[in-house]
Protein backbone atom coordinates (compact mmCIF):
# COMPACT_ATOMS: atom_id res chain seq x y z
CA UNK A 1 9.45 25.02 1.97
CA UNK A 2 8.53 21.57 1.80
CA UNK A 3 5.77 20.77 4.35
CA UNK A 4 4.95 16.94 4.28
CA UNK A 5 4.89 14.06 1.63
CA UNK A 6 1.62 14.32 -0.15
CA UNK A 7 1.11 11.18 -2.06
CA UNK A 8 3.33 7.92 -2.88
CA UNK A 9 2.57 6.09 -5.91
CA UNK A 10 2.14 2.33 -6.03
CA UNK A 11 2.67 0.83 -9.82
CA UNK A 12 -0.41 -1.22 -10.78
CA UNK A 13 -1.35 -3.48 -14.03
CA UNK A 14 -5.28 -3.66 -12.88
CA UNK A 15 -6.59 -0.50 -11.42
CA UNK A 16 -9.99 -1.94 -10.37
CA UNK A 17 -8.39 -5.16 -9.08
CA UNK A 18 -5.79 -3.05 -6.92
CA UNK A 19 -8.76 -0.39 -5.76
CA UNK A 20 -10.53 -3.69 -4.55
CA UNK A 21 -7.40 -5.11 -2.49
CA UNK A 22 -6.62 -1.47 -1.14
CA UNK A 23 -10.34 -0.96 0.19
CA UNK A 24 -11.58 -4.12 0.85
CA UNK A 25 -8.55 -5.94 2.47
CA UNK A 26 -6.58 -2.89 3.72
CA UNK A 27 -9.24 -0.66 4.68
CA UNK A 28 -8.08 2.50 2.50
CA UNK A 29 -10.77 4.83 1.37
CA UNK A 30 -11.00 6.44 -2.35
CA UNK A 31 -10.64 10.30 -2.50
CA UNK A 32 -10.27 10.74 -6.00
CA UNK A 33 -10.77 8.47 -9.07
CA UNK A 34 -10.75 10.36 -12.34
CA UNK A 35 -9.66 9.98 -16.11
CA UNK A 36 -5.97 10.56 -16.84
CA UNK A 37 -4.96 9.61 -20.27
CA UNK A 38 -5.39 5.70 -20.63
CA UNK A 39 -5.49 5.31 -17.02
CA UNK A 40 -7.00 6.84 -14.06
CA UNK A 41 -5.69 8.63 -11.27
CA UNK A 42 -6.62 7.22 -8.19
CA UNK A 43 -6.00 8.66 -4.62
CA UNK A 44 -6.65 6.45 -1.62
CA UNK A 45 -6.35 7.61 2.10
CA UNK A 46 -5.06 6.06 5.12
CA UNK A 47 -7.42 6.72 7.97
CA UNK A 48 -6.53 9.96 9.11
CA UNK A 49 -3.06 10.32 7.62
CA UNK A 50 -2.57 13.27 5.67
CA UNK A 51 -0.31 11.18 3.22
CA UNK A 52 -2.16 9.41 0.04
CA UNK A 53 -1.50 6.50 -2.04
CA UNK A 54 -1.74 6.79 -6.12
CA UNK A 55 -2.44 3.57 -7.75
CA UNK A 56 -1.33 4.85 -11.22
CA UNK A 57 1.84 3.70 -13.38
CA UNK A 58 3.46 6.29 -15.37
CA UNK A 59 4.09 5.55 -19.06
CA UNK A 60 7.36 3.77 -19.39
CA UNK A 61 7.33 2.45 -15.44
CA UNK A 62 5.65 -0.75 -15.97
CA UNK A 63 8.54 -2.68 -15.12
CA UNK A 64 8.32 -1.55 -11.38
CA UNK A 65 4.85 -3.50 -11.06
CA UNK A 66 5.57 -6.19 -8.57
CA UNK A 67 8.59 -4.54 -7.25
CA UNK A 68 9.50 -3.70 -3.46
CA UNK A 69 8.09 -0.49 -2.18
CA UNK A 70 10.53 1.92 -0.85
CA UNK A 71 8.93 2.62 2.29
CA UNK A 72 6.53 1.22 5.07
CA UNK A 73 3.30 1.33 6.46
CA UNK A 74 3.22 2.10 10.22
CA UNK A 75 0.58 0.56 12.49
CA UNK A 76 0.25 0.18 16.15
CA UNK A 77 0.43 -3.62 16.53
CA UNK A 78 1.86 -5.42 13.79
CA UNK A 79 0.88 -8.86 15.21
CA UNK A 80 -2.49 -7.77 15.39
CA UNK A 81 -2.86 -5.93 11.99
CA UNK A 82 -0.99 -9.21 10.88
CA UNK A 83 -3.50 -11.36 12.02
CA UNK A 84 -6.57 -8.95 10.71
CA UNK A 85 -5.11 -9.02 7.19
CA UNK A 86 -4.16 -12.45 7.27
CA UNK A 87 -7.87 -13.53 7.79
CA UNK A 88 -8.98 -11.06 4.77
CA UNK A 89 -6.62 -13.10 2.57
CA UNK A 90 -3.64 -10.80 2.44
CA UNK A 91 -0.63 -12.75 1.79
CA UNK A 92 2.45 -12.25 3.67
CA UNK A 93 5.93 -12.87 2.52
CA UNK A 94 7.47 -12.59 5.75
CA UNK A 95 5.63 -12.95 8.91
CA UNK A 96 6.07 -10.48 12.02
CA UNK A 97 9.36 -10.54 13.65
CA UNK A 98 10.45 -8.73 16.70
CA UNK A 99 13.78 -6.57 16.24
CA UNK A 100 15.51 -4.27 19.05
CA UNK A 101 14.11 -1.36 16.97
CA UNK A 102 10.75 -2.75 16.81
CA UNK A 103 8.31 -5.40 15.01
CA UNK A 104 7.99 -5.81 10.98
CA UNK A 105 6.03 -7.81 8.66
CA UNK A 106 6.16 -7.85 4.71
CA UNK A 107 2.95 -8.29 2.75
CA UNK A 108 2.00 -8.33 -0.87
CA UNK A 109 -0.72 -6.41 -2.75
CA UNK A 110 -2.79 -7.82 -5.63
CA UNK A 111 -0.36 -6.47 -8.06
CA UNK A 112 2.66 -8.57 -6.48
CA UNK A 113 3.99 -5.38 -4.81
CA UNK A 114 5.69 -5.65 -1.70
CA UNK A 115 5.32 -3.47 1.33
CA UNK A 116 6.92 -3.27 5.07
CA UNK A 117 4.26 -2.64 7.85
CA UNK A 118 6.09 -2.14 11.11
CA UNK A 119 5.87 -0.34 14.43
CA UNK A 120 8.39 0.92 17.20
């Protein structure tokens, strides 16, 4: 039986730029960085989460770069995280907004991909 989601892919055009964004601004850690065809297979860990992020674009999927990520990152306090990430230069397209179900905000990575972060 399936036990968990091992990784989620984020399509990127410039892997070095993306690694700098996700490690320096977002605080993720590189777990694997190895050659894979014309690109590299780069896995990042998020603190203690078992799910990893992969900075890799499958051939023929380049049109996905700069799109909306179908998922969300959870954080303890969206407003505090928004302040911390904004101070590091992370661009937000939607500042924190409180809803009945919780709080969310939307940010962009170095490649123009958009991500929801939420709590609640």
